Amino acid sequence: LDSTYRGAQYPTIGNRVRYHPLYTMPRDG
């Protein structure tokens, strides 16, 4: 499950693997 991977997705949807950092080491430890 790689957020940069295009893979075998539904053609009309595309890549739906998305990651978003909520806590980060520099800010939150």
mmCIF file of all heavy atoms, coordinates in Angstrom:
data_MODEL
# 
_entry.id   MODEL 
# 
loop_
_atom_site.group_PDB 
_atom_site.id 
_atom_site.type_symbol 
_atom_site.label_atom_id 
_atom_site.label_alt_id 
_atom_site.label_comp_id 
_atom_site.label_asym_id 
_atom_site.label_entity_id 
_atom_site.label_seq_id 
_atom_site.pdbx_PDB_ins_code 
_atom_site.Cartn_x 
_atom_site.Cartn_y 
_atom_site.Cartn_z 
_atom_site.occupancy 
_atom_site.B_iso_or_equiv 
_atom_site.pdbx_formal_charge 
_atom_site.auth_seq_id 
_atom_site.auth_comp_id 
_atom_site.auth_asym_id 
_atom_site.auth_atom_id 
_atom_site.pdbx_PDB_model_num 
ATOM 1   N N   . LEU A 1 1  ? 0.858   -1.187 0.000   1.00 0.00 ? 1  LEU A N   1 
ATOM 2   C CA  . LEU A 1 1  ? 0.000   0.000  0.000   1.00 0.00 ? 1  LEU A CA  1 
ATOM 3   C C   . LEU A 1 1  ? 0.895   1.239  0.000   1.00 0.00 ? 1  LEU A C   1 
ATOM 4   O O   . LEU A 1 1  ? 1.228   1.794  1.042   1.00 0.00 ? 1  LEU A O   1 
ATOM 5   C CB  . LEU A 1 1  ? -0.926  -0.013 1.222   1.00 0.00 ? 1  LEU A CB  1 
ATOM 6   C CG  . LEU A 1 1  ? -2.069  -1.016 1.159   1.00 0.00 ? 1  LEU A CG  1 
ATOM 7   C CD1 . LEU A 1 1  ? -2.755  -1.152 2.513   1.00 0.00 ? 1  LEU A CD1 1 
ATOM 8   C CD2 . LEU A 1 1  ? -3.086  -0.612 0.099   1.00 0.00 ? 1  LEU A CD2 1 
ATOM 9   N N   . ASP A 1 2  ? 1.294   1.639  -1.186  1.00 0.00 ? 2  ASP A N   1 
ATOM 10  C CA  . ASP A 1 2  ? 2.227   2.735  -1.385  1.00 0.00 ? 2  ASP A CA  1 
ATOM 11  C C   . ASP A 1 2  ? 1.478   3.928  -1.967  1.00 0.00 ? 2  ASP A C   1 
ATOM 12  O O   . ASP A 1 2  ? 0.777   3.797  -2.977  1.00 0.00 ? 2  ASP A O   1 
ATOM 13  C CB  . ASP A 1 2  ? 3.338   2.271  -2.342  1.00 0.00 ? 2  ASP A CB  1 
ATOM 14  C CG  . ASP A 1 2  ? 4.456   3.283  -2.498  1.00 0.00 ? 2  ASP A CG  1 
ATOM 15  O OD1 . ASP A 1 2  ? 4.200   4.494  -2.307  1.00 0.00 ? 2  ASP A OD1 1 
ATOM 16  O OD2 . ASP A 1 2  ? 5.577   2.871  -2.812  1.00 0.00 ? 2  ASP A OD2 1 
ATOM 17  N N   . SER A 1 3  ? 1.613   5.093  -1.361  1.00 0.00 ? 3  SER A N   1 
ATOM 18  C CA  . SER A 1 3  ? 0.863   6.263  -1.817  1.00 0.00 ? 3  SER A CA  1 
ATOM 19  C C   . SER A 1 3  ? 1.316   6.745  -3.188  1.00 0.00 ? 3  SER A C   1 
ATOM 20  O O   . SER A 1 3  ? 0.609   7.532  -3.835  1.00 0.00 ? 3  SER A O   1 
ATOM 21  C CB  . SER A 1 3  ? 0.987   7.405  -0.804  1.00 0.00 ? 3  SER A CB  1 
ATOM 22  O OG  . SER A 1 3  ? 2.341   7.802  -0.662  1.00 0.00 ? 3  SER A OG  1 
ATOM 23  N N   . THR A 1 4  ? 2.477   6.300  -3.661  1.00 0.00 ? 4  THR A N   1 
ATOM 24  C CA  . THR A 1 4  ? 2.946   6.703  -4.990  1.00 0.00 ? 4  THR A CA  1 
ATOM 25  C C   . THR A 1 4  ? 2.643   5.646  -6.048  1.00 0.00 ? 4  THR A C   1 
ATOM 26  O O   . THR A 1 4  ? 2.945   5.826  -7.218  1.00 0.00 ? 4  THR A O   1 
ATOM 27  C CB  . THR A 1 4  ? 4.466   6.955  -4.982  1.00 0.00 ? 4  THR A CB  1 
ATOM 28  O OG1 . THR A 1 4  ? 5.152   5.721  -4.704  1.00 0.00 ? 4  THR A OG1 1 
ATOM 29  C CG2 . THR A 1 4  ? 4.848   7.986  -3.936  1.00 0.00 ? 4  THR A CG2 1 
ATOM 30  N N   . TYR A 1 5  ? 2.046   4.543  -5.632  1.00 0.00 ? 5  TYR A N   1 
ATOM 31  C CA  . TYR A 1 5  ? 1.822   3.406  -6.528  1.00 0.00 ? 5  TYR A CA  1 
ATOM 32  C C   . TYR A 1 5  ? 0.546   3.605  -7.324  1.00 0.00 ? 5  TYR A C   1 
ATOM 33  O O   . TYR A 1 5  ? -0.515  3.854  -6.766  1.00 0.00 ? 5  TYR A O   1 
ATOM 34  C CB  . TYR A 1 5  ? 1.749   2.130  -5.683  1.00 0.00 ? 5  TYR A CB  1 
ATOM 35  C CG  . TYR A 1 5  ? 1.290   0.887  -6.411  1.00 0.00 ? 5  TYR A CG  1 
ATOM 36  C CD1 . TYR A 1 5  ? 1.925   0.461  -7.561  1.00 0.00 ? 5  TYR A CD1 1 
ATOM 37  C CD2 . TYR A 1 5  ? 0.226   0.133  -5.922  1.00 0.00 ? 5  TYR A CD2 1 
ATOM 38  C CE1 . TYR A 1 5  ? 1.512   -0.691 -8.217  1.00 0.00 ? 5  TYR A CE1 1 
ATOM 39  C CE2 . TYR A 1 5  ? -0.179  -1.017 -6.557  1.00 0.00 ? 5  TYR A CE2 1 
ATOM 40  C CZ  . TYR A 1 5  ? 0.459   -1.421 -7.712  1.00 0.00 ? 5  TYR A CZ  1 
ATOM 41  O OH  . TYR A 1 5  ? 0.055   -2.552 -8.354  1.00 0.00 ? 5  TYR A OH  1 
ATOM 42  N N   . ARG A 1 6  ? 0.617   3.463  -8.656  1.00 0.00 ? 6  ARG A N   1 
ATOM 43  C CA  . ARG A 1 6  ? -0.564  3.610  -9.495  1.00 0.00 ? 6  ARG A CA  1 
ATOM 44  C C   . ARG A 1 6  ? -1.375  2.320  -9.546  1.00 0.00 ? 6  ARG A C   1 
ATOM 45  O O   . ARG A 1 6  ? -2.592  2.349  -9.532  1.00 0.00 ? 6  ARG A O   1 
ATOM 46  C CB  . ARG A 1 6  ? -0.151  4.024  -10.902 1.00 0.00 ? 6  ARG A CB  1 
ATOM 47  C CG  . ARG A 1 6  ? 0.450   5.416  -10.961 1.00 0.00 ? 6  ARG A CG  1 
ATOM 48  C CD  . ARG A 1 6  ? -0.549  6.487  -10.616 1.00 0.00 ? 6  ARG A CD  1 
ATOM 49  N NE  . ARG A 1 6  ? -1.684  6.479  -11.515 1.00 0.00 ? 6  ARG A NE  1 
ATOM 50  C CZ  . ARG A 1 6  ? -2.806  7.162  -11.320 1.00 0.00 ? 6  ARG A CZ  1 
ATOM 51  N NH1 . ARG A 1 6  ? -2.939  7.891  -10.228 1.00 0.00 ? 6  ARG A NH1 1 
ATOM 52  N NH2 . ARG A 1 6  ? -3.789  7.110  -12.191 1.00 0.00 ? 6  ARG A NH2 1 
ATOM 53  N N   . GLY A 1 7  ? -0.698  1.194  -9.684  1.00 0.00 ? 7  GLY A N   1 
ATOM 54  C CA  . GLY A 1 7  ? -1.307  -0.114 -9.534  1.00 0.00 ? 7  GLY A CA  1 
ATOM 55  C C   . GLY A 1 7  ? -2.575  -0.380 -10.318 1.00 0.00 ? 7  GLY A C   1 
ATOM 56  O O   . GLY A 1 7  ? -2.904  0.311  -11.263 1.00 0.00 ? 7  GLY A O   1 
ATOM 57  N N   . ALA A 1 8  ? -3.280  -1.419 -9.913  1.00 0.00 ? 8  ALA A N   1 
ATOM 58  C CA  . ALA A 1 8  ? -4.496  -1.854 -10.614 1.00 0.00 ? 8  ALA A CA  1 
ATOM 59  C C   . ALA A 1 8  ? -5.715  -1.225 -9.962  1.00 0.00 ? 8  ALA A C   1 
ATOM 60  O O   . ALA A 1 8  ? -6.459  -1.867 -9.240  1.00 0.00 ? 8  ALA A O   1 
ATOM 61  C CB  . ALA A 1 8  ? -4.591  -3.371 -10.601 1.00 0.00 ? 8  ALA A CB  1 
ATOM 62  N N   . GLN A 1 9  ? -5.922  0.054  -10.215 1.00 0.00 ? 9  GLN A N   1 
ATOM 63  C CA  . GLN A 1 9  ? -7.055  0.761  -9.638  1.00 0.00 ? 9  GLN A CA  1 
ATOM 64  C C   . GLN A 1 9  ? -8.175  0.871  -10.662 1.00 0.00 ? 9  GLN A C   1 
ATOM 65  O O   . GLN A 1 9  ? -7.955  0.736  -11.871 1.00 0.00 ? 9  GLN A O   1 
ATOM 66  C CB  . GLN A 1 9  ? -6.626  2.161  -9.193  1.00 0.00 ? 9  GLN A CB  1 
ATOM 67  C CG  . GLN A 1 9  ? -5.411  2.193  -8.288  1.00 0.00 ? 9  GLN A CG  1 
ATOM 68  C CD  . GLN A 1 9  ? -5.669  1.538  -6.951  1.00 0.00 ? 9  GLN A CD  1 
ATOM 69  O OE1 . GLN A 1 9  ? -6.814  1.501  -6.482  1.00 0.00 ? 9  GLN A OE1 1 
ATOM 70  N NE2 . GLN A 1 9  ? -4.635  1.034  -6.313  1.00 0.00 ? 9  GLN A NE2 1 
ATOM 71  N N   . TYR A 1 10 ? -9.392  1.147  -10.186 1.00 0.00 ? 10 TYR A N   1 
ATOM 72  C CA  . TYR A 1 10 ? -10.482 1.428  -11.115 1.00 0.00 ? 10 TYR A CA  1 
ATOM 73  C C   . TYR A 1 10 ? -10.095 2.629  -11.967 1.00 0.00 ? 10 TYR A C   1 
ATOM 74  O O   . TYR A 1 10 ? -9.675  3.659  -11.441 1.00 0.00 ? 10 TYR A O   1 
ATOM 75  C CB  . TYR A 1 10 ? -11.772 1.730  -10.350 1.00 0.00 ? 10 TYR A CB  1 
ATOM 76  C CG  . TYR A 1 10 ? -12.456 0.520  -9.803  1.00 0.00 ? 10 TYR A CG  1 
ATOM 77  C CD1 . TYR A 1 10 ? -12.267 0.122  -8.483  1.00 0.00 ? 10 TYR A CD1 1 
ATOM 78  C CD2 . TYR A 1 10 ? -13.298 -0.234 -10.607 1.00 0.00 ? 10 TYR A CD2 1 
ATOM 79  C CE1 . TYR A 1 10 ? -12.895 -1.002 -7.975  1.00 0.00 ? 10 TYR A CE1 1 
ATOM 80  C CE2 . TYR A 1 10 ? -13.937 -1.364 -10.096 1.00 0.00 ? 10 TYR A CE2 1 
ATOM 81  C CZ  . TYR A 1 10 ? -13.735 -1.734 -8.791  1.00 0.00 ? 10 TYR A CZ  1 
ATOM 82  O OH  . TYR A 1 10 ? -14.353 -2.846 -8.294  1.00 0.00 ? 10 TYR A OH  1 
ATOM 83  N N   . PRO A 1 11 ? -10.218 2.533  -13.296 1.00 0.00 ? 11 PRO A N   1 
ATOM 84  C CA  . PRO A 1 11 ? -9.757  3.610  -14.176 1.00 0.00 ? 11 PRO A CA  1 
ATOM 85  C C   . PRO A 1 11 ? -10.366 4.969  -13.862 1.00 0.00 ? 11 PRO A C   1 
ATOM 86  O O   . PRO A 1 11 ? -9.715  5.992  -14.023 1.00 0.00 ? 11 PRO A O   1 
ATOM 87  C CB  . PRO A 1 11 ? -10.185 3.125  -15.571 1.00 0.00 ? 11 PRO A CB  1 
ATOM 88  C CG  . PRO A 1 11 ? -10.250 1.646  -15.452 1.00 0.00 ? 11 PRO A CG  1 
ATOM 89  C CD  . PRO A 1 11 ? -10.724 1.378  -14.056 1.00 0.00 ? 11 PRO A CD  1 
ATOM 90  N N   . THR A 1 12 ? -11.622 4.991  -13.415 1.00 0.00 ? 12 THR A N   1 
ATOM 91  C CA  . THR A 1 12 ? -12.281 6.268  -13.161 1.00 0.00 ? 12 THR A CA  1 
ATOM 92  C C   . THR A 1 12 ? -12.022 6.802  -11.752 1.00 0.00 ? 12 THR A C   1 
ATOM 93  O O   . THR A 1 12 ? -12.481 7.872  -11.394 1.00 0.00 ? 12 THR A O   1 
ATOM 94  C CB  . THR A 1 12 ? -13.800 6.129  -13.365 1.00 0.00 ? 12 THR A CB  1 
ATOM 95  O OG1 . THR A 1 12 ? -14.279 5.033  -12.580 1.00 0.00 ? 12 THR A OG1 1 
ATOM 96  C CG2 . THR A 1 12 ? -14.120 5.880  -14.822 1.00 0.00 ? 12 THR A CG2 1 
ATOM 97  N N   . ILE A 1 13 ? -11.281 6.031  -10.942 1.00 0.00 ? 13 ILE A N   1 
ATOM 98  C CA  . ILE A 1 13 ? -10.997 6.449  -9.570  1.00 0.00 ? 13 ILE A CA  1 
ATOM 99  C C   . ILE A 1 13 ? -9.525  6.817  -9.396  1.00 0.00 ? 13 ILE A C   1 
ATOM 100 O O   . ILE A 1 13 ? -9.179  7.818  -8.788  1.00 0.00 ? 13 ILE A O   1 
ATOM 101 C CB  . ILE A 1 13 ? -11.386 5.344  -8.565  1.00 0.00 ? 13 ILE A CB  1 
ATOM 102 C CG1 . ILE A 1 13 ? -12.893 5.107  -8.598  1.00 0.00 ? 13 ILE A CG1 1 
ATOM 103 C CG2 . ILE A 1 13 ? -10.944 5.714  -7.153  1.00 0.00 ? 13 ILE A CG2 1 
ATOM 104 C CD1 . ILE A 1 13 ? -13.360 3.975  -7.721  1.00 0.00 ? 13 ILE A CD1 1 
ATOM 105 N N   . GLY A 1 14 ? -8.637  5.987  -9.949  1.00 0.00 ? 14 GLY A N   1 
ATOM 106 C CA  . GLY A 1 14 ? -7.210  6.256  -9.798  1.00 0.00 ? 14 GLY A CA  1 
ATOM 107 C C   . GLY A 1 14 ? -6.674  5.784  -8.465  1.00 0.00 ? 14 GLY A C   1 
ATOM 108 O O   . GLY A 1 14 ? -7.317  5.037  -7.736  1.00 0.00 ? 14 GLY A O   1 
ATOM 109 N N   . ASN A 1 15 ? -5.475  6.241  -8.138  1.00 0.00 ? 15 ASN A N   1 
ATOM 110 C CA  . ASN A 1 15 ? -4.820  5.812  -6.908  1.00 0.00 ? 15 ASN A CA  1 
ATOM 111 C C   . ASN A 1 15 ? -5.494  6.442  -5.689  1.00 0.00 ? 15 ASN A C   1 
ATOM 112 O O   . ASN A 1 15 ? -5.557  7.662  -5.576  1.00 0.00 ? 15 ASN A O   1 
ATOM 113 C CB  . ASN A 1 15 ? -3.340  6.198  -6.951  1.00 0.00 ? 15 ASN A CB  1 
ATOM 114 C CG  . ASN A 1 15 ? -2.601  5.699  -5.723  1.00 0.00 ? 15 ASN A CG  1 
ATOM 115 O OD1 . ASN A 1 15 ? -3.064  4.797  -5.047  1.00 0.00 ? 15 ASN A OD1 1 
ATOM 116 N ND2 . ASN A 1 15 ? -1.464  6.282  -5.439  1.00 0.00 ? 15 ASN A ND2 1 
ATOM 117 N N   . ARG A 1 16 ? -5.984  5.601  -4.786  1.00 0.00 ? 16 ARG A N   1 
ATOM 118 C CA  . ARG A 1 16 ? -6.705  6.106  -3.615  1.00 0.00 ? 16 ARG A CA  1 
ATOM 119 C C   . ARG A 1 16 ? -5.964  5.851  -2.308  1.00 0.00 ? 16 ARG A C   1 
ATOM 120 O O   . ARG A 1 16 ? -6.552  5.950  -1.232  1.00 0.00 ? 16 ARG A O   1 
ATOM 121 C CB  . ARG A 1 16 ? -8.095  5.458  -3.547  1.00 0.00 ? 16 ARG A CB  1 
ATOM 122 C CG  . ARG A 1 16 ? -8.913  5.614  -4.817  1.00 0.00 ? 16 ARG A CG  1 
ATOM 123 C CD  . ARG A 1 16 ? -9.201  7.054  -5.165  1.00 0.00 ? 16 ARG A CD  1 
ATOM 124 N NE  . ARG A 1 16 ? -10.084 7.673  -4.198  1.00 0.00 ? 16 ARG A NE  1 
ATOM 125 C CZ  . ARG A 1 16 ? -10.537 8.927  -4.293  1.00 0.00 ? 16 ARG A CZ  1 
ATOM 126 N NH1 . ARG A 1 16 ? -10.153 9.674  -5.304  1.00 0.00 ? 16 ARG A NH1 1 
ATOM 127 N NH2 . ARG A 1 16 ? -11.348 9.424  -3.383  1.00 0.00 ? 16 ARG A NH2 1 
ATOM 128 N N   . VAL A 1 17 ? -4.687  5.508  -2.384  1.00 0.00 ? 17 VAL A N   1 
ATOM 129 C CA  . VAL A 1 17 ? -3.897  5.343  -1.163  1.00 0.00 ? 17 VAL A CA  1 
ATOM 130 C C   . VAL A 1 17 ? -3.312  6.701  -0.798  1.00 0.00 ? 17 VAL A C   1 
ATOM 131 O O   . VAL A 1 17 ? -2.467  7.233  -1.520  1.00 0.00 ? 17 VAL A O   1 
ATOM 132 C CB  . VAL A 1 17 ? -2.765  4.315  -1.351  1.00 0.00 ? 17 VAL A CB  1 
ATOM 133 C CG1 . VAL A 1 17 ? -1.992  4.142  -0.046  1.00 0.00 ? 17 VAL A CG1 1 
ATOM 134 C CG2 . VAL A 1 17 ? -3.321  2.986  -1.816  1.00 0.00 ? 17 VAL A CG2 1 
ATOM 135 N N   . ARG A 1 18 ? -3.761  7.269  0.290   1.00 0.00 ? 18 ARG A N   1 
ATOM 136 C CA  . ARG A 1 18 ? -3.320  8.602  0.688   1.00 0.00 ? 18 ARG A CA  1 
ATOM 137 C C   . ARG A 1 18 ? -2.916  8.591  2.157   1.00 0.00 ? 18 ARG A C   1 
ATOM 138 O O   . ARG A 1 18 ? -3.647  8.086  3.004   1.00 0.00 ? 18 ARG A O   1 
ATOM 139 C CB  . ARG A 1 18 ? -4.427  9.623  0.448   1.00 0.00 ? 18 ARG A CB  1 
ATOM 140 C CG  . ARG A 1 18 ? -4.788  9.767  -1.038  1.00 0.00 ? 18 ARG A CG  1 
ATOM 141 C CD  . ARG A 1 18 ? -5.974  10.671 -1.257  1.00 0.00 ? 18 ARG A CD  1 
ATOM 142 N NE  . ARG A 1 18 ? -6.293  10.783 -2.678  1.00 0.00 ? 18 ARG A NE  1 
ATOM 143 C CZ  . ARG A 1 18 ? -7.395  11.363 -3.155  1.00 0.00 ? 18 ARG A CZ  1 
ATOM 144 N NH1 . ARG A 1 18 ? -8.286  11.855 -2.319  1.00 0.00 ? 18 ARG A NH1 1 
ATOM 145 N NH2 . ARG A 1 18 ? -7.599  11.414 -4.457  1.00 0.00 ? 18 ARG A NH2 1 
ATOM 146 N N   . TYR A 1 19 ? -1.771  9.161  2.441   1.00 0.00 ? 19 TYR A N   1 
ATOM 147 C CA  . TYR A 1 19 ? -1.262  9.285  3.803   1.00 0.00 ? 19 TYR A CA  1 
ATOM 148 C C   . TYR A 1 19 ? -1.154  10.764 4.161   1.00 0.00 ? 19 TYR A C   1 
ATOM 149 O O   . TYR A 1 19 ? -0.728  11.579 3.340   1.00 0.00 ? 19 TYR A O   1 
ATOM 150 C CB  . TYR A 1 19 ? 0.114   8.635  3.938   1.00 0.00 ? 19 TYR A CB  1 
ATOM 151 C CG  . TYR A 1 19 ? 0.158   7.153  3.642   1.00 0.00 ? 19 TYR A CG  1 
ATOM 152 C CD1 . TYR A 1 19 ? 1.192   6.608  2.894   1.00 0.00 ? 19 TYR A CD1 1 
ATOM 153 C CD2 . TYR A 1 19 ? -0.824  6.297  4.121   1.00 0.00 ? 19 TYR A CD2 1 
ATOM 154 C CE1 . TYR A 1 19 ? 1.236   5.248  2.621   1.00 0.00 ? 19 TYR A CE1 1 
ATOM 155 C CE2 . TYR A 1 19 ? -0.790  4.948  3.864   1.00 0.00 ? 19 TYR A CE2 1 
ATOM 156 C CZ  . TYR A 1 19 ? 0.252   4.434  3.106   1.00 0.00 ? 19 TYR A CZ  1 
ATOM 157 O OH  . TYR A 1 19 ? 0.299   3.084  2.827   1.00 0.00 ? 19 TYR A OH  1 
ATOM 158 N N   . HIS A 1 20 ? -1.518  11.077 5.408   1.00 0.00 ? 20 HIS A N   1 
ATOM 159 C CA  . HIS A 1 20 ? -1.428  12.463 5.878   1.00 0.00 ? 20 HIS A CA  1 
ATOM 160 C C   . HIS A 1 20 ? -0.885  12.456 7.308   1.00 0.00 ? 20 HIS A C   1 
ATOM 161 O O   . HIS A 1 20 ? -1.464  11.827 8.195   1.00 0.00 ? 20 HIS A O   1 
ATOM 162 C CB  . HIS A 1 20 ? -2.805  13.123 5.864   1.00 0.00 ? 20 HIS A CB  1 
ATOM 163 C CG  . HIS A 1 20 ? -2.818  14.486 6.465   1.00 0.00 ? 20 HIS A CG  1 
ATOM 164 N ND1 . HIS A 1 20 ? -2.182  15.569 5.883   1.00 0.00 ? 20 HIS A ND1 1 
ATOM 165 C CD2 . HIS A 1 20 ? -3.374  14.951 7.627   1.00 0.00 ? 20 HIS A CD2 1 
ATOM 166 C CE1 . HIS A 1 20 ? -2.345  16.631 6.647   1.00 0.00 ? 20 HIS A CE1 1 
ATOM 167 N NE2 . HIS A 1 20 ? -3.061  16.285 7.696   1.00 0.00 ? 20 HIS A NE2 1 
ATOM 168 N N   . PRO A 1 21 ? 0.254   13.135 7.543   1.00 0.00 ? 21 PRO A N   1 
ATOM 169 C CA  . PRO A 1 21 ? 0.819   13.146 8.899   1.00 0.00 ? 21 PRO A CA  1 
ATOM 170 C C   . PRO A 1 21 ? 0.001   14.030 9.842   1.00 0.00 ? 21 PRO A C   1 
ATOM 171 O O   . PRO A 1 21 ? -0.180  15.226 9.592   1.00 0.00 ? 21 PRO A O   1 
ATOM 172 C CB  . PRO A 1 21 ? 2.223   13.721 8.679   1.00 0.00 ? 21 PRO A CB  1 
ATOM 173 C CG  . PRO A 1 21 ? 2.115   14.542 7.428   1.00 0.00 ? 21 PRO A CG  1 
ATOM 174 C CD  . PRO A 1 21 ? 1.098   13.865 6.576   1.00 0.00 ? 21 PRO A CD  1 
ATOM 175 N N   . LEU A 1 22 ? -0.506  13.452 10.905  1.00 0.00 ? 22 LEU A N   1 
ATOM 176 C CA  . LEU A 1 22 ? -1.232  14.206 11.928  1.00 0.00 ? 22 LEU A CA  1 
ATOM 177 C C   . LEU A 1 22 ? -0.306  14.673 13.035  1.00 0.00 ? 22 LEU A C   1 
ATOM 178 O O   . LEU A 1 22 ? -0.443  15.774 13.569  1.00 0.00 ? 22 LEU A O   1 
ATOM 179 C CB  . LEU A 1 22 ? -2.359  13.349 12.512  1.00 0.00 ? 22 LEU A CB  1 
ATOM 180 C CG  . LEU A 1 22 ? -3.465  12.929 11.541  1.00 0.00 ? 22 LEU A CG  1 
ATOM 181 C CD1 . LEU A 1 22 ? -4.486  12.065 12.278  1.00 0.00 ? 22 LEU A CD1 1 
ATOM 182 C CD2 . LEU A 1 22 ? -4.157  14.150 10.930  1.00 0.00 ? 22 LEU A CD2 1 
ATOM 183 N N   . TYR A 1 23 ? 0.629   13.800 13.417  1.00 0.00 ? 23 TYR A N   1 
ATOM 184 C CA  . TYR A 1 23 ? 1.661   14.139 14.391  1.00 0.00 ? 23 TYR A CA  1 
ATOM 185 C C   . TYR A 1 23 ? 3.009   13.920 13.709  1.00 0.00 ? 23 TYR A C   1 
ATOM 186 O O   . TYR A 1 23 ? 3.190   12.932 12.992  1.00 0.00 ? 23 TYR A O   1 
ATOM 187 C CB  . TYR A 1 23 ? 1.574   13.247 15.630  1.00 0.00 ? 23 TYR A CB  1 
ATOM 188 C CG  . TYR A 1 23 ? 0.397   13.524 16.539  1.00 0.00 ? 23 TYR A CG  1 
ATOM 189 C CD1 . TYR A 1 23 ? -0.904  13.193 16.141  1.00 0.00 ? 23 TYR A CD1 1 
ATOM 190 C CD2 . TYR A 1 23 ? 0.582   14.085 17.791  1.00 0.00 ? 23 TYR A CD2 1 
ATOM 191 C CE1 . TYR A 1 23 ? -1.985  13.439 16.971  1.00 0.00 ? 23 TYR A CE1 1 
ATOM 192 C CE2 . TYR A 1 23 ? -0.489  14.332 18.638  1.00 0.00 ? 23 TYR A CE2 1 
ATOM 193 C CZ  . TYR A 1 23 ? -1.774  14.005 18.215  1.00 0.00 ? 23 TYR A CZ  1 
ATOM 194 O OH  . TYR A 1 23 ? -2.841  14.250 19.042  1.00 0.00 ? 23 TYR A OH  1 
ATOM 195 N N   . THR A 1 24 ? 3.951   14.798 13.955  1.00 0.00 ? 24 THR A N   1 
ATOM 196 C CA  . THR A 1 24 ? 5.280   14.665 13.363  1.00 0.00 ? 24 THR A CA  1 
ATOM 197 C C   . THR A 1 24 ? 6.340   14.705 14.455  1.00 0.00 ? 24 THR A C   1 
ATOM 198 O O   . THR A 1 24 ? 6.114   15.270 15.535  1.00 0.00 ? 24 THR A O   1 
ATOM 199 C CB  . THR A 1 24 ? 5.559   15.784 12.356  1.00 0.00 ? 24 THR A CB  1 
ATOM 200 O OG1 . THR A 1 24 ? 5.622   17.045 13.040  1.00 0.00 ? 24 THR A OG1 1 
ATOM 201 C CG2 . THR A 1 24 ? 4.475   15.839 11.276  1.00 0.00 ? 24 THR A CG2 1 
ATOM 202 N N   . MET A 1 25 ? 7.488   14.119 14.160  1.00 0.00 ? 25 MET A N   1 
ATOM 203 C CA  . MET A 1 25 ? 8.585   14.114 15.132  1.00 0.00 ? 25 MET A CA  1 
ATOM 204 C C   . MET A 1 25 ? 9.058   15.524 15.485  1.00 0.00 ? 25 MET A C   1 
ATOM 205 O O   . MET A 1 25 ? 9.208   15.845 16.673  1.00 0.00 ? 25 MET A O   1 
ATOM 206 C CB  . MET A 1 25 ? 9.739   13.266 14.602  1.00 0.00 ? 25 MET A CB  1 
ATOM 207 C CG  . MET A 1 25 ? 9.453   11.777 14.566  1.00 0.00 ? 25 MET A CG  1 
ATOM 208 S SD  . MET A 1 25 ? 9.140   11.062 16.202  1.00 0.00 ? 25 MET A SD  1 
ATOM 209 C CE  . MET A 1 25 ? 10.767  11.220 16.931  1.00 0.00 ? 25 MET A CE  1 
ATOM 210 N N   . PRO A 1 26 ? 9.315   16.411 14.512  1.00 0.00 ? 26 PRO A N   1 
ATOM 211 C CA  . PRO A 1 26 ? 9.815   17.745 14.878  1.00 0.00 ? 26 PRO A CA  1 
ATOM 212 C C   . PRO A 1 26 ? 8.844   18.540 15.749  1.00 0.00 ? 26 PRO A C   1 
ATOM 213 O O   . PRO A 1 26 ? 9.242   19.239 16.680  1.00 0.00 ? 26 PRO A O   1 
ATOM 214 C CB  . PRO A 1 26 ? 10.019  18.424 13.519  1.00 0.00 ? 26 PRO A CB  1 
ATOM 215 C CG  . PRO A 1 26 ? 10.176  17.315 12.556  1.00 0.00 ? 26 PRO A CG  1 
ATOM 216 C CD  . PRO A 1 26 ? 9.288   16.220 13.057  1.00 0.00 ? 26 PRO A CD  1 
ATOM 217 N N   . ARG A 1 27 ? 7.538   18.407 15.450  1.00 0.00 ? 27 ARG A N   1 
ATOM 218 C CA  . ARG A 1 27 ? 6.550   19.217 16.173  1.00 0.00 ? 27 ARG A CA  1 
ATOM 219 C C   . ARG A 1 27 ? 6.031   18.543 17.430  1.00 0.00 ? 27 ARG A C   1 
ATOM 220 O O   . ARG A 1 27 ? 5.841   19.192 18.470  1.00 0.00 ? 27 ARG A O   1 
ATOM 221 C CB  . ARG A 1 27 ? 5.380   19.529 15.225  1.00 0.00 ? 27 ARG A CB  1 
ATOM 222 C CG  . ARG A 1 27 ? 4.354   20.503 15.805  1.00 0.00 ? 27 ARG A CG  1 
ATOM 223 C CD  . ARG A 1 27 ? 3.146   20.613 14.905  1.00 0.00 ? 27 ARG A CD  1 
ATOM 224 N NE  . ARG A 1 27 ? 2.408   19.341 14.866  1.00 0.00 ? 27 ARG A NE  1 
ATOM 225 C CZ  . ARG A 1 27 ? 1.530   19.046 13.928  1.00 0.00 ? 27 ARG A CZ  1 
ATOM 226 N NH1 . ARG A 1 27 ? 1.296   19.894 12.923  1.00 0.00 ? 27 ARG A NH1 1 
ATOM 227 N NH2 . ARG A 1 27 ? 0.891   17.884 13.953  1.00 0.00 ? 27 ARG A NH2 1 
ATOM 228 N N   . ASP A 1 28 ? 5.814   17.201 17.348  1.00 0.00 ? 28 ASP A N   1 
ATOM 229 C CA  . ASP A 1 28 ? 5.096   16.507 18.410  1.00 0.00 ? 28 ASP A CA  1 
ATOM 230 C C   . ASP A 1 28 ? 5.913   15.445 19.143  1.00 0.00 ? 28 ASP A C   1 
ATOM 231 O O   . ASP A 1 28 ? 5.444   14.890 20.134  1.00 0.00 ? 28 ASP A O   1 
ATOM 232 C CB  . ASP A 1 28 ? 3.835   15.840 17.833  1.00 0.00 ? 28 ASP A CB  1 
ATOM 233 C CG  . ASP A 1 28 ? 2.961   16.829 17.080  1.00 0.00 ? 28 ASP A CG  1 
ATOM 234 O OD1 . ASP A 1 28 ? 2.431   17.750 17.723  1.00 0.00 ? 28 ASP A OD1 1 
ATOM 235 O OD2 . ASP A 1 28 ? 2.833   16.680 15.844  1.00 0.00 ? 28 ASP A OD2 1 
ATOM 236 N N   . GLY A 1 29 ? 7.077   15.117 18.619  1.00 0.00 ? 29 GLY A N   1 
ATOM 237 C CA  . GLY A 1 29 ? 7.902   14.101 19.263  1.00 0.00 ? 29 GLY A CA  1 
ATOM 238 C C   . GLY A 1 29 ? 7.436   12.680 19.023  1.00 0.00 ? 29 GLY A C   1 
ATOM 239 O O   . GLY A 1 29 ? 7.942   11.743 19.628  1.00 0.00 ? 29 GLY A O   1 
# 
